[in-house]
PDB file of N, CA and C in Angstrom:
ATOM      1  N   MET A   1    -263.672  51.278 105.550  1.00  0.00           N
ATOM      2  CA  MET A   1    -262.359  51.394 104.944  1.00  0.00           C
ATOM      3  C   MET A   1    -261.405  50.436 105.658  1.00  0.00           C
ATOM      4  N   ASN A   2    -260.482  49.890 104.887  1.00  0.00           N
ATOM      5  CA  ASN A   2    -259.530  48.929 105.415  1.00  0.00           C
ATOM      6  C   ASN A   2    -258.112  49.463 105.303  1.00  0.00           C
ATOM      7  N   LYS A   3    -257.345  49.248 106.356  1.00  0.00           N
ATOM      8  CA  LYS A   3    -255.936  49.665 106.351  1.00  0.00           C
ATOM      9  C   LYS A   3    -255.179  48.824 105.328  1.00  0.00           C
ATOM     10  N   ILE A   4    -254.281  49.474 104.575  1.00  0.00           N
ATOM     11  CA  ILE A   4    -253.470  48.742 103.601  1.00  0.00           C
ATOM     12  C   ILE A   4    -251.989  48.937 103.925  1.00  0.00           C
ATOM     13  N   THR A   5    -251.185  48.037 103.409  1.00  0.00           N
ATOM     14  CA  THR A   5    -249.740  48.111 103.618  1.00  0.00           C
ATOM     15  C   THR A   5    -249.129  49.084 102.606  1.00  0.00           C
ATOM     16  N   ILE A   6    -247.900  49.471 102.876  1.00  0.00           N
ATOM     17  CA  ILE A   6    -247.179  50.327 101.937  1.00  0.00           C
ATOM     18  C   ILE A   6    -246.986  49.594 100.604  1.00  0.00           C
ATOM     19  N   GLU A   7    -246.754  48.300 100.657  1.00  0.00           N
ATOM     20  CA  GLU A   7    -246.589  47.526  99.412  1.00  0.00           C
ATOM     21  C   GLU A   7    -247.866  47.555  98.578  1.00  0.00           C
ATOM     22  N   ASP A   8    -249.030  47.406  99.241  1.00  0.00           N
ATOM     23  CA  ASP A   8    -250.304  47.503  98.518  1.00  0.00           C
ATOM     24  C   ASP A   8    -250.483  48.902  97.943  1.00  0.00           C
ATOM     25  N   LEU A   9    -250.115  49.909  98.715  1.00  0.00           N
ATOM     26  CA  LEU A   9    -250.221  51.292  98.255  1.00  0.00           C
ATOM     27  C   LEU A   9    -249.336  51.521  97.038  1.00  0.00           C
ATOM     28  N   LYS A  10    -248.141  50.965  97.045  1.00  0.00           N
ATOM     29  CA  LYS A  10    -247.235  51.122  95.903  1.00  0.00           C
ATOM     30  C   LYS A  10    -247.863  50.563  94.626  1.00  0.00           C
ATOM     31  N   LYS A  11    -248.554  49.427  94.732  1.00  0.00           N
ATOM     32  CA  LYS A  11    -249.209  48.822  93.566  1.00  0.00           C
ATOM     33  C   LYS A  11    -250.319  49.727  93.039  1.00  0.00           C
ATOM     34  N   ILE A  12    -251.103  50.284  93.955  1.00  0.00           N
ATOM     35  CA  ILE A  12    -252.202  51.168  93.555  1.00  0.00           C
ATOM     36  C   ILE A  12    -251.657  52.446  92.924  1.00  0.00           C
ATOM     37  N   THR A  13    -250.622  53.021  93.532  1.00  0.00           N
ATOM     38  CA  THR A  13    -250.069  54.272  92.992  1.00  0.00           C
ATOM     39  C   THR A  13    -249.460  54.052  91.610  1.00  0.00           C
ATOM     40  N   LYS A  14    -248.853  52.901  91.418  1.00  0.00           N
ATOM     41  CA  LYS A  14    -248.283  52.598  90.100  1.00  0.00           C
ATOM     42  C   LYS A  14    -249.404  52.453  89.062  1.00  0.00           C
ATOM     43  N   HIS A  15    -250.460  51.753  89.422  1.00  0.00           N
ATOM     44  CA  HIS A  15    -251.580  51.526  88.509  1.00  0.00           C
ATOM     45  C   HIS A  15    -252.245  52.837  88.091  1.00  0.00           C
ATOM     46  N   TYR A  16    -252.406  53.778  89.028  1.00  0.00           N
ATOM     47  CA  TYR A  16    -253.100  55.038  88.751  1.00  0.00           C
ATOM     48  C   TYR A  16    -252.159  56.225  88.533  1.00  0.00           C
ATOM     49  N   ASP A  17    -250.859  55.964  88.461  1.00  0.00           N
ATOM     50  CA  ASP A  17    -249.852  57.013  88.281  1.00  0.00           C
ATOM     51  C   ASP A  17    -249.977  58.102  89.358  1.00  0.00           C
ATOM     52  N   LEU A  18    -250.054  57.653  90.606  1.00  0.00           N
ATOM     53  CA  LEU A  18    -250.122  58.555  91.754  1.00  0.00           C
ATOM     54  C   LEU A  18    -248.725  58.716  92.342  1.00  0.00           C
ATOM     55  N   HIS A  19    -248.547  59.758  93.152  1.00  0.00           N
ATOM     56  CA  HIS A  19    -247.248  60.045  93.758  1.00  0.00           C
ATOM     57  C   HIS A  19    -247.424  60.397  95.225  1.00  0.00           C
ATOM     58  N   VAL A  20    -246.460  59.974  96.042  1.00  0.00           N
ATOM     59  CA  VAL A  20    -246.456  60.418  97.440  1.00  0.00           C
ATOM     60  C   VAL A  20    -245.696  61.729  97.489  1.00  0.00           C
ATOM     61  N   CYS A  21    -246.199  62.653  98.279  1.00  0.00           N
ATOM     62  CA  CYS A  21    -245.611  63.989  98.293  1.00  0.00           C
ATOM     63  C   CYS A  21    -245.849  64.661  99.637  1.00  0.00           C
ATOM     64  N   ARG A  22    -245.238  65.830  99.758  1.00  0.00           N
ATOM     65  CA  ARG A  22    -245.418  66.674 100.931  1.00  0.00           C
ATOM     66  C   ARG A  22    -245.855  68.046 100.429  1.00  0.00           C
ATOM     67  N   ILE A  23    -246.715  68.703 101.200  1.00  0.00           N
ATOM     68  CA  ILE A  23    -247.058  70.083 100.886  1.00  0.00           C
ATOM     69  C   ILE A  23    -245.836  70.915 101.226  1.00  0.00           C
ATOM     70  N   LYS A  24    -245.358  71.697 100.272  1.00  0.00           N
ATOM     71  CA  LYS A  24    -244.139  72.487 100.479  1.00  0.00           C
ATOM     72  C   LYS A  24    -244.253  73.344 101.731  1.00  0.00           C
ATOM     73  N   GLY A  25    -243.170  73.353 102.506  1.00  0.00           N
ATOM     74  CA  GLY A  25    -243.117  74.166 103.708  1.00  0.00           C
ATOM     75  C   GLY A  25    -243.856  73.585 104.890  1.00  0.00           C
ATOM     76  N   SER A  26    -244.250  72.307 104.807  1.00  0.00           N
ATOM     77  CA  SER A  26    -244.973  71.677 105.915  1.00  0.00           C
ATOM     78  C   SER A  26    -244.519  70.227 106.074  1.00  0.00           C
ATOM     79  N   GLU A  27    -245.072  69.583 107.061  1.00  0.00           N
ATOM     80  CA  GLU A  27    -244.806  68.159 107.276  1.00  0.00           C
ATOM     81  C   GLU A  27    -246.007  67.312 106.863  1.00  0.00           C
ATOM     82  N   VAL A  28    -246.943  67.902 106.147  1.00  0.00           N
ATOM     83  CA  VAL A  28    -248.160  67.207 105.720  1.00  0.00           C
ATOM     84  C   VAL A  28    -247.854  66.385 104.474  1.00  0.00           C
ATOM     85  N   VAL A  29    -248.097  65.070 104.554  1.00  0.00           N
ATOM     86  CA  VAL A  29    -247.889  64.188 103.407  1.00  0.00           C
ATOM     87  C   VAL A  29    -249.225  63.869 102.758  1.00  0.00           C
ATOM     88  N   GLN A  30    -249.176  63.641 101.462  1.00  0.00           N
ATOM     89  CA  GLN A  30    -250.373  63.336 100.699  1.00  0.00           C
ATOM     90  C   GLN A  30    -250.042  62.372  99.574  1.00  0.00           C
ATOM     91  N   ILE A  31    -251.098  61.898  98.936  1.00  0.00           N
ATOM     92  CA  ILE A  31    -250.987  61.099  97.721  1.00  0.00           C
ATOM     93  C   ILE A  31    -251.657  61.935  96.637  1.00  0.00           C
ATOM     94  N   ARG A  32    -250.938  62.218  95.560  1.00  0.00           N
ATOM     95  CA  ARG A  32    -251.485  63.115  94.543  1.00  0.00           C
ATOM     96  C   ARG A  32    -251.416  62.496  93.149  1.00  0.00           C
ATOM     97  N   LYS A  33    -252.265  63.013  92.277  1.00  0.00           N
ATOM     98  CA  LYS A  33    -252.272  62.581  90.879  1.00  0.00           C
ATOM     99  C   LYS A  33    -251.560  63.607  89.999  1.00  0.00           C
ATOM    100  N   ASN A  34    -251.978  64.845  90.091  1.00  0.00           N
ATOM    101  CA  ASN A  34    -251.464  65.874  89.193  1.00  0.00           C
ATOM    102  C   ASN A  34    -250.377  66.712  89.855  1.00  0.00           C
ATOM    103  N   PRO A  35    -249.328  67.042  89.102  1.00  0.00           N
ATOM    104  CA  PRO A  35    -248.272  67.879  89.671  1.00  0.00           C
ATOM    105  C   PRO A  35    -248.787  69.284  89.984  1.00  0.00           C
ATOM    106  N   SER A  36    -248.171  69.899  90.975  1.00  0.00           N
ATOM    107  CA  SER A  36    -248.539  71.257  91.361  1.00  0.00           C
ATOM    108  C   SER A  36    -247.341  71.892  92.054  1.00  0.00           C
ATOM    109  N   ASP A  37    -247.253  73.194  91.957  1.00  0.00           N
ATOM    110  CA  ASP A  37    -246.158  73.918  92.607  1.00  0.00           C
ATOM    111  C   ASP A  37    -246.226  73.832  94.127  1.00  0.00           C
ATOM    112  N   LYS A  38    -247.383  73.488  94.674  1.00  0.00           N
ATOM    113  CA  LYS A  38    -247.496  73.457  96.131  1.00  0.00           C
ATOM    114  C   LYS A  38    -247.040  72.123  96.744  1.00  0.00           C
ATOM    115  N   TYR A  39    -246.710  71.132  95.903  1.00  0.00           N
ATOM    116  CA  TYR A  39    -246.258  69.821  96.383  1.00  0.00           C
ATOM    117  C   TYR A  39    -244.810  69.568  96.007  1.00  0.00           C
ATOM    118  N   GLU A  40    -244.138  68.754  96.825  1.00  0.00           N
ATOM    119  CA  GLU A  40    -242.823  68.248  96.461  1.00  0.00           C
ATOM    120  C   GLU A  40    -242.833  66.735  96.674  1.00  0.00           C
ATOM    121  N   ASP A  41    -242.394  66.010  95.653  1.00  0.00           N
ATOM    122  CA  ASP A  41    -242.354  64.551  95.758  1.00  0.00           C
ATOM    123  C   ASP A  41    -241.354  64.141  96.831  1.00  0.00           C
ATOM    124  N   ILE A  42    -241.671  63.041  97.515  1.00  0.00           N
ATOM    125  CA  ILE A  42    -240.786  62.495  98.545  1.00  0.00           C
ATOM    126  C   ILE A  42    -240.591  61.008  98.284  1.00  0.00           C
ATOM    127  N   SER A  43    -239.602  60.431  98.945  1.00  0.00           N
ATOM    128  CA  SER A  43    -239.334  58.992  98.778  1.00  0.00           C
ATOM    129  C   SER A  43    -240.370  58.186  99.561  1.00  0.00           C
ATOM    130  N   TRP A  44    -240.480  56.927  99.189  1.00  0.00           N
ATOM    131  CA  TRP A  44    -241.376  56.028  99.925  1.00  0.00           C
ATOM    132  C   TRP A  44    -240.928  55.891 101.373  1.00  0.00           C
ATOM    133  N   LYS A  45    -239.618  55.833 101.571  1.00  0.00           N
ATOM    134  CA  LYS A  45    -239.093  55.694 102.936  1.00  0.00           C
ATOM    135  C   LYS A  45    -239.500  56.899 103.787  1.00  0.00           C
ATOM    136  N   GLU A  46    -239.357  58.097 103.224  1.00  0.00           N
ATOM    137  CA  GLU A  46    -239.738  59.309 103.953  1.00  0.00           C
ATOM    138  C   GLU A  46    -241.245  59.332 104.226  1.00  0.00           C
ATOM    139  N   PHE A  47    -242.041  58.927 103.243  1.00  0.00           N
ATOM    140  CA  PHE A  47    -243.494  58.870 103.406  1.00  0.00           C
ATOM    141  C   PHE A  47    -243.866  57.938 104.559  1.00  0.00           C
ATOM    142  N   GLU A  48    -243.279  56.750 104.559  1.00  0.00           N
ATOM    143  CA  GLU A  48    -243.565  55.762 105.599  1.00  0.00           C
ATOM    144  C   GLU A  48    -243.105  56.257 106.973  1.00  0.00           C
ATOM    145  N   THR A  49    -241.950  56.913 107.028  1.00  0.00           N
ATOM    146  CA  THR A  49    -241.434  57.454 108.286  1.00  0.00           C
ATOM    147  C   THR A  49    -242.386  58.492 108.865  1.00  0.00           C
ATOM    148  N   VAL A  50    -242.864  59.398 108.026  1.00  0.00           N
ATOM    149  CA  VAL A  50    -243.788  60.439 108.494  1.00  0.00           C
ATOM    150  C   VAL A  50    -245.087  59.810 109.001  1.00  0.00           C
ATOM    151  N   LEU A  51    -245.604  58.819 108.283  1.00  0.00           N
ATOM    152  CA  LEU A  51    -246.819  58.149 108.736  1.00  0.00           C
ATOM    153  C   LEU A  51    -246.620  57.560 110.131  1.00  0.00           C
ATOM    154  N   LYS A  52    -245.511  56.866 110.341  1.00  0.00           N
ATOM    155  CA  LYS A  52    -245.239  56.250 111.635  1.00  0.00           C
ATOM    156  C   LYS A  52    -245.076  57.302 112.722  1.00  0.00           C
ATOM    157  N   GLN A  53    -244.337  58.368 112.438  1.00  0.00           N
ATOM    158  CA  GLN A  53    -244.102  59.421 113.427  1.00  0.00           C
ATOM    159  C   GLN A  53    -245.402  60.084 113.872  1.00  0.00           C
ATOM    160  N   LYS A  54    -246.328  60.234 112.944  1.00  0.00           N
ATOM    161  CA  LYS A  54    -247.582  60.921 113.246  1.00  0.00           C
ATOM    162  C   LYS A  54    -248.709  59.973 113.632  1.00  0.00           C
ATOM    163  N   GLY A  55    -248.431  58.665 113.661  1.00  0.00           N
ATOM    164  CA  GLY A  55    -249.466  57.699 114.017  1.00  0.00           C
ATOM    165  C   GLY A  55    -250.560  57.589 112.969  1.00  0.00           C
ATOM    166  N   LEU A  56    -250.157  57.679 111.693  1.00  0.00           N
ATOM    167  CA  LEU A  56    -251.108  57.629 110.588  1.00  0.00           C
ATOM    168  C   LEU A  56    -250.952  56.342 109.790  1.00  0.00           C
ATOM    169  N   ALA A  57    -251.966  56.033 109.009  1.00  0.00           N
ATOM    170  CA  ALA A  57    -251.930  54.879 108.115  1.00  0.00           C
ATOM    171  C   ALA A  57    -252.767  55.216 106.887  1.00  0.00           C
ATOM    172  N   VAL A  58    -252.587  54.436 105.828  1.00  0.00           N
ATOM    173  CA  VAL A  58    -253.369  54.628 104.610  1.00  0.00           C
ATOM    174  C   VAL A  58    -254.486  53.591 104.605  1.00  0.00           C
ATOM    175  N   TYR A  59    -255.690  54.070 104.314  1.00  0.00           N
ATOM    176  CA  TYR A  59    -256.871  53.214 104.259  1.00  0.00           C
ATOM    177  C   TYR A  59    -257.463  53.274 102.864  1.00  0.00           C
ATOM    178  N   LYS A  60    -258.051  52.133 102.442  1.00  0.00           N
ATOM    179  CA  LYS A  60    -258.652  52.012 101.114  1.00  0.00           C
ATOM    180  C   LYS A  60    -260.108  51.608 101.283  1.00  0.00           C
ATOM    181  N   ALA A  61    -260.966  52.215 100.491  1.00  0.00           N
ATOM    182  CA  ALA A  61    -262.379  51.859 100.516  1.00  0.00           C
ATOM    183  C   ALA A  61    -262.542  50.399 100.105  1.00  0.00           C
ATOM    184  N   ALA A  62    -263.503  49.729 100.706  1.00  0.00           N
ATOM    185  CA  ALA A  62    -263.705  48.299 100.464  1.00  0.00           C
ATOM    186  C   ALA A  62    -264.106  47.990  99.024  1.00  0.00           C
ATOM    187  N   GLU A  63    -264.894  48.854  98.405  1.00  0.00           N
ATOM    188  CA  GLU A  63    -265.419  48.546  97.076  1.00  0.00           C
ATOM    189  C   GLU A  63    -264.865  49.421  95.960  1.00  0.00           C
ATOM    190  N   SER A  64    -263.804  50.173  96.266  1.00  0.00           N
ATOM    191  CA  SER A  64    -263.177  50.998  95.236  1.00  0.00           C
ATOM    192  C   SER A  64    -261.714  51.205  95.610  1.00  0.00           C
ATOM    193  N   ASP A  65    -261.018  52.010  94.830  1.00  0.00           N
ATOM    194  CA  ASP A  65    -259.621  52.305  95.134  1.00  0.00           C
ATOM    195  C   ASP A  65    -259.463  53.689  95.775  1.00  0.00           C
ATOM    196  N   PHE A  66    -260.528  54.193  96.391  1.00  0.00           N
ATOM    197  CA  PHE A  66    -260.455  55.458  97.112  1.00  0.00           C
ATOM    198  C   PHE A  66    -259.488  55.302  98.282  1.00  0.00           C
ATOM    199  N   LEU A  67    -258.538  56.223  98.396  1.00  0.00           N
ATOM    200  CA  LEU A  67    -257.517  56.167  99.455  1.00  0.00           C
ATOM    201  C   LEU A  67    -257.664  57.356 100.394  1.00  0.00           C
ATOM    202  N   LYS A  68    -257.340  57.129 101.660  1.00  0.00           N
ATOM    203  CA  LYS A  68    -257.383  58.207 102.635  1.00  0.00           C
ATOM    204  C   LYS A  68    -256.312  57.954 103.698  1.00  0.00           C
ATOM    205  N   ILE A  69    -255.591  59.010 104.047  1.00  0.00           N
ATOM    206  CA  ILE A  69    -254.620  58.932 105.141  1.00  0.00           C
ATOM    207  C   ILE A  69    -255.366  59.343 106.408  1.00  0.00           C
ATOM    208  N   MET A  70    -255.365  58.440 107.386  1.00  0.00           N
ATOM    209  CA  MET A  70    -256.100  58.688 108.628  1.00  0.00           C
ATOM    210  C   MET A  70    -255.284  58.214 109.823  1.00  0.00           C
ATOM    211  N   LYS A  71    -255.732  58.578 111.010  1.00  0.00           N
ATOM    212  CA  LYS A  71    -255.129  58.098 112.243  1.00  0.00           C
ATOM    213  C   LYS A  71    -255.149  56.585 112.234  1.00  0.00           C
ATOM    214  N   ASP A  72    -254.036  55.960 112.605  1.00  0.00           N
ATOM    215  CA  ASP A  72    -253.945  54.502 112.640  1.00  0.00           C
ATOM    216  C   ASP A  72    -254.839  53.970 113.739  1.00  0.00           C
ATOM    217  N   LYS A  73    -255.745  53.074 113.405  1.00  0.00           N
ATOM    218  CA  LYS A  73    -256.703  52.537 114.367  1.00  0.00           C
ATOM    219  C   LYS A  73    -256.124  51.424 115.228  1.00  0.00           C
ATOM    220  N   ASN A  74    -254.899  51.000 114.929  1.00  0.00           N
ATOM    221  CA  ASN A  74    -254.299  49.890 115.709  1.00  0.00           C
ATOM    222  C   ASN A  74    -253.497  50.408 116.848  1.00  0.00           C
TER     223      ASN A  74
END
């Protein structure tokens, strides 16, 4: 898996109609497709801030658009 930038992530989320969100009542951020009562949408700025605060980054599979939020390897 390769680390991607927020700009690359924005392009992928737009293409697949994905949304950045937080699990309600927590500081856990995710990327979701379908709406649910357990998620609340957040801004890109807030998403990026949480990733930095927690030392996380978004990674994309080399041969597909599979995304995963993981500990930043840098």
